[in-house]
Protein backbone atom coordinates (compact mmCIF):
# COMPACT_ATOMS: atom_id res chain seq x y z
CA MET A 1 49.80 28.27 65.61
CA SER A 2 53.44 28.37 65.63
CA ARG A 3 55.03 32.36 66.78
CA ALA A 4 55.95 32.84 63.04
CA ASP A 5 52.68 32.27 61.91
CA ILE A 6 51.11 34.99 64.16
CA ARG A 7 53.77 37.29 62.72
CA ARG A 8 52.48 36.30 58.68
CA GLY A 9 49.34 37.43 60.19
CA LEU A 10 50.21 40.15 62.08
CA LEU A 11 52.54 41.79 59.20
CA ALA A 12 49.12 41.13 57.05
CA ALA A 13 46.96 42.86 59.08
CA VAL A 14 48.67 45.71 59.31
CA LEU A 15 49.30 45.83 55.12
CA ALA A 16 45.53 45.37 55.12
CA LEU A 17 44.77 48.78 56.73
CA ALA A 18 47.88 50.78 55.43
CA PHE A 19 47.84 49.90 52.14
CA GLY A 20 43.85 49.53 51.30
CA SER A 21 44.21 45.43 50.17
CA MET A 22 44.09 42.53 51.52
CA PRO A 23 46.54 39.88 52.98
CA VAL A 24 49.66 38.97 51.03
CA PHE A 25 50.45 36.26 53.20
CA ALA A 26 48.77 32.21 52.79
CA SER A 27 46.70 31.84 56.36
CA GLY A 28 47.92 28.12 55.93
CA ASN A 29 48.63 25.02 54.12
CA ALA A 30 46.26 22.53 55.01
CA ASP A 31 44.92 23.07 51.78
CA ASN A 32 46.21 21.03 48.27
CA TRP A 33 47.21 24.10 45.34
CA THR A 34 46.85 23.23 41.54
CA ARG A 35 48.38 25.01 39.22
CA ILE A 36 46.29 26.31 36.52
CA ALA A 37 48.20 29.39 34.78
CA THR A 38 52.11 30.83 34.84
CA PHE A 39 52.22 34.74 33.76
CA SER A 40 55.27 37.23 33.30
CA GLY A 41 57.01 39.97 32.34
CA SER A 42 59.44 42.61 31.64
CA GLY A 43 57.48 45.12 33.58
CA ASP A 44 58.83 47.55 31.56
CA LYS A 45 54.79 47.96 29.71
CA SER A 46 51.76 46.74 31.83
CA VAL A 47 50.06 44.03 30.62
CA ASP A 48 46.76 41.94 30.08
CA THR A 49 47.44 38.15 30.78
CA ALA A 50 46.37 36.03 29.26
CA PRO A 51 42.36 34.24 30.32
CA PHE A 52 43.36 31.52 32.93
CA THR A 53 39.86 29.44 34.72
CA THR A 54 39.12 28.97 38.22
CA ARG A 55 36.55 25.14 38.71
CA GLY A 56 34.90 27.92 41.72
CA GLY A 57 36.99 26.99 45.07
CA LYS A 58 39.98 28.65 47.12
CA VAL A 59 42.06 30.68 44.24
CA ARG A 60 44.87 33.18 45.25
CA PHE A 61 48.57 34.46 44.02
CA LEU A 62 52.59 33.59 43.81
CA PHE A 63 53.92 36.77 42.74
CA THR A 64 57.85 37.90 42.83
CA VAL A 65 58.79 41.15 41.47
CA GLN A 66 62.66 41.61 40.99
CA PRO A 67 63.90 44.48 42.96
CA ASN A 68 67.16 46.47 42.30
CA SER A 69 68.68 49.56 44.12
CA SER A 70 66.67 52.36 42.62
CA GLY A 71 64.34 52.06 45.48
CA PRO A 72 60.86 50.04 46.44
CA VAL A 73 58.99 48.00 43.78
CA PRO A 74 55.91 48.21 43.49
CA PHE A 75 52.98 45.73 41.63
CA LEU A 76 50.17 46.08 41.41
CA SER A 77 47.31 43.13 39.66
CA LYS A 78 43.73 43.93 38.83
CA MET A 79 42.08 41.02 37.85
CA TYR A 80 38.95 41.05 35.63
CA PRO A 81 36.39 38.64 34.12
CA LYS A 82 37.86 37.10 30.42
CA GLY A 83 36.43 40.27 27.50
CA SER A 84 35.82 42.82 30.25
CA PRO A 85 37.21 46.13 29.25
CA LEU A 86 39.58 47.45 31.96
CA THR A 87 36.97 49.45 34.03
CA ALA A 88 35.11 49.26 37.10
CA ASN A 89 34.20 45.14 36.04
CA GLU A 90 37.71 45.09 38.24
CA LEU A 91 36.58 41.83 40.25
CA ARG A 92 39.42 41.79 42.68
CA ARG A 93 43.24 44.01 43.10
CA THR A 94 45.67 42.80 44.63
CA GLN A 95 49.01 45.41 45.27
CA CYS A 96 51.89 46.10 47.30
CA VAL A 97 54.52 49.10 47.09
CA ASP A 98 57.36 46.89 48.26
CA CYS A 99 57.31 43.75 46.94
CA LYS A 100 60.72 41.83 47.96
CA GLY A 101 60.91 38.32 47.66
CA GLN A 102 57.96 35.71 46.73
CA HIS A 103 54.79 36.79 48.60
CA ILE A 104 50.90 34.86 48.94
CA ASP A 105 47.83 36.72 47.54
CA ASP A 106 44.40 34.34 49.28
CA LEU A 107 41.67 35.50 46.96
CA GLY A 108 39.35 32.75 49.09
CA ASN A 109 36.52 31.11 47.05
CA VAL A 110 36.25 32.64 43.82
CA ARG A 111 33.86 31.44 40.70
CA ALA A 112 34.36 29.15 38.36
CA GLY A 113 34.16 31.04 35.02
CA SER A 114 37.57 32.94 33.03
CA TYR A 115 38.96 35.03 34.11
CA TYR A 116 42.95 37.58 33.17
CA LEU A 117 44.53 40.29 34.61
CA HIS A 118 46.15 43.54 34.54
CA ILE A 119 49.72 43.88 35.55
CA ILE A 120 51.62 46.62 36.30
CA THR A 121 54.58 47.13 38.15
CA SER A 122 58.45 48.86 36.93
CA ARG A 123 60.62 45.84 37.47
CA PRO A 124 60.79 42.05 35.05
CA TRP A 125 57.73 39.59 37.39
CA THR A 126 56.39 36.34 37.56
CA LEU A 127 52.29 35.95 39.18
CA VAL A 128 51.48 31.62 39.61
CA VAL A 129 47.72 31.61 40.04
CA GLU A 130 46.66 28.53 42.16
CA GLU A 131 43.85 26.21 42.34
CA THR A 132 42.45 24.12 45.93
CA LYS A 133 42.37 20.45 43.78
């Protein structure tokens, strides 16, 4: 394990403790990832994405939010089963208070199924959903 990997792991742990979220950095690159969906928005309103389908296995989100000069760049996404309303059925929350650059949220194993995301941010954003082959 390189020093950069150790630093990323420590930073991810600190962010998880500080913000009550899962780490925003992936723990390794040994898996082969396949893109299954790409979403983007302008940040002028919250967005419910189109549904995406997983085969079951490891899933991760790669997301980027465009910064500007007015302060921190917040980002929040909530994952729901397809057809489920925005209620207590939330399966996963990805968030960061100041998202500069690309971030990776490793969801771990996700059941096969169809899901959608509810995205809230005030800046232009892009999110890619990937799963292992």
